[in-house]
Amino acid sequence: VQLQASGGGLVQAGGSLRLSCVASSSAFKLMSMGWYRQAPGMQRELVASITHGGIPAYVDSVKGRFTISRDNIKKTIYLQMNDLKPEDTAVYYCKGTLGDIARAGSWGQGTQVTVSS
């Protein structure tokens, strides 16, 4: 499965962005999907995930600010990011896998999110 992420950009603190990730395969509807991020010098971390059944999960640092969703007809996941903070600055990657999101899977190419203070 090929994944294409988009929607990153430069935004001021308190602003919003919406990331999108489009999958190439109809297997998308069977996949768990997630958004990861990696800041310079830091390990890649899972920010949000959503099961094939639509159940979301979030890392504590983004709860109440970020919302992950999926559209199985469009084979797309979204990450709505509100009240952005400078510490959200990172390259954001989408990932898709069968089963648990921690399993090996397909990655998108990454999209840069920069939040200025």
Protein backbone atom coordinates (compact mmCIF):
# COMPACT_ATOMS: atom_id res chain seq x y z
CA VAL A 1 0.00 0.00 0.00
CA GLN A 2 1.33 3.42 -0.92
CA LEU A 3 0.49 6.37 1.33
CA GLN A 4 0.63 10.03 0.37
CA ALA A 5 0.61 12.60 3.17
CA SER A 6 -0.09 16.30 2.76
CA GLY A 7 -1.29 19.37 4.62
CA GLY A 8 1.72 20.48 6.61
CA GLY A 9 2.87 24.06 6.80
CA LEU A 10 3.89 26.99 8.94
CA VAL A 11 1.40 28.26 11.50
CA GLN A 12 1.49 30.47 14.57
CA ALA A 13 0.96 29.06 18.04
CA GLY A 14 -2.74 28.61 18.68
CA GLY A 15 -3.47 27.99 15.03
CA SER A 16 -4.80 24.93 13.23
CA LEU A 17 -3.79 22.59 10.43
CA ARG A 18 -5.36 19.51 8.91
CA LEU A 19 -3.18 16.71 7.62
CA SER A 20 -4.41 14.18 5.08
CA CYS A 21 -3.06 10.78 4.07
CA VAL A 22 -4.42 8.99 1.01
CA ALA A 23 -3.94 5.26 0.48
CA SER A 24 -3.58 3.57 -2.88
CA SER A 25 -5.28 0.29 -2.02
CA SER A 26 -8.79 -0.83 -1.17
CA ALA A 27 -7.17 -2.81 1.66
CA PHE A 28 -7.26 0.53 3.46
CA LYS A 29 -10.61 -0.31 5.05
CA LEU A 30 -9.00 -3.28 6.83
CA MET A 31 -6.03 -1.34 8.13
CA SER A 32 -5.20 0.38 11.35
CA MET A 33 -3.84 3.83 10.54
CA GLY A 34 -1.71 6.21 12.52
CA TRP A 35 0.06 9.54 12.55
CA TYR A 36 3.60 9.66 13.88
CA ARG A 37 5.90 12.63 14.26
CA GLN A 38 9.62 13.12 14.52
CA ALA A 39 11.27 16.28 15.74
CA PRO A 40 14.99 16.96 15.09
CA GLY A 41 17.15 14.80 17.36
CA MET A 42 14.12 12.96 18.71
CA GLN A 43 12.71 9.51 18.19
CA ARG A 44 9.62 9.06 16.07
CA GLU A 45 6.53 8.91 18.27
CA LEU A 46 2.98 7.78 17.70
CA VAL A 47 0.66 10.76 18.01
CA ALA A 48 -2.72 9.31 17.09
CA SER A 49 -4.12 6.10 15.68
CA ILE A 50 -7.44 4.76 14.49
CA THR A 51 -8.52 1.16 14.10
CA HIS A 52 -10.20 -0.20 11.00
CA GLY A 53 -13.41 0.04 13.02
CA GLY A 54 -12.87 3.75 13.71
CA ILE A 55 -11.71 3.69 17.33
CA PRO A 56 -9.21 6.51 17.96
CA ALA A 57 -6.34 6.76 20.43
CA TYR A 58 -4.03 9.66 21.27
CA VAL A 59 -0.81 10.36 23.06
CA ASP A 60 -1.49 12.43 26.19
CA SER A 61 0.25 15.54 24.86
CA VAL A 62 -2.31 16.01 22.06
CA LYS A 63 -5.53 14.87 23.74
CA GLY A 64 -8.22 17.49 23.41
CA ARG A 65 -6.33 19.29 20.63
CA PHE A 66 -5.91 16.72 17.83
CA THR A 67 -8.59 14.59 16.19
CA ILE A 68 -7.91 11.63 13.93
CA SER A 69 -10.59 10.44 11.53
CA ARG A 70 -10.94 8.23 8.49
CA ASP A 71 -13.02 8.09 5.33
CA ASN A 72 -12.98 4.54 3.95
CA ILE A 73 -14.63 5.60 0.68
CA LYS A 74 -11.92 8.17 -0.01
CA LYS A 75 -9.24 5.85 1.47
CA THR A 76 -8.03 8.78 3.52
CA ILE A 77 -7.20 9.58 7.12
CA TYR A 78 -7.09 13.04 8.58
CA LEU A 79 -5.44 14.67 11.54
CA GLN A 80 -7.14 17.87 12.62
CA MET A 81 -4.69 19.78 14.79
CA ASN A 82 -6.00 22.69 16.83
CA ASP A 83 -4.35 24.96 19.39
CA LEU A 84 -0.96 24.09 17.97
CA LYS A 85 2.11 24.65 20.13
CA PRO A 86 5.77 25.12 19.20
CA GLU A 87 6.50 21.67 20.63
CA ASP A 88 4.23 20.19 17.95
CA THR A 89 6.84 21.16 15.37
CA ALA A 90 7.98 18.00 13.59
CA VAL A 91 7.77 15.98 10.42
CA TYR A 92 4.50 14.08 10.51
CA TYR A 93 4.22 10.63 8.93
CA CYS A 94 1.21 8.45 8.31
CA LYS A 95 1.39 4.70 8.65
CA GLY A 96 -0.92 1.87 7.78
CA THR A 97 -0.84 -1.72 8.96
CA LEU A 98 -3.02 -4.77 9.39
CA GLY A 99 -3.75 -5.42 13.04
CA ASP A 100 -2.11 -3.42 15.80
CA ILE A 101 -0.59 -0.10 14.73
CA ALA A 102 2.73 -1.14 16.27
CA ARG A 103 3.19 -3.86 13.66
CA ALA A 104 5.35 -3.32 10.59
CA GLY A 105 3.48 -1.50 7.84
CA SER A 106 3.52 1.09 5.08
CA TRP A 107 4.70 4.65 5.60
CA GLY A 108 3.90 7.90 3.87
CA GLN A 109 6.64 10.33 2.91
CA GLY A 110 6.19 12.84 5.73
CA THR A 111 4.93 16.40 5.85
CA GLN A 112 6.57 19.24 7.80
CA VAL A 113 4.60 21.06 10.49
CA THR A 114 6.22 24.15 11.94
CA VAL A 115 4.61 26.12 14.76
CA SER A 116 6.06 29.52 15.54
CA SER A 117 5.77 31.14 18.95
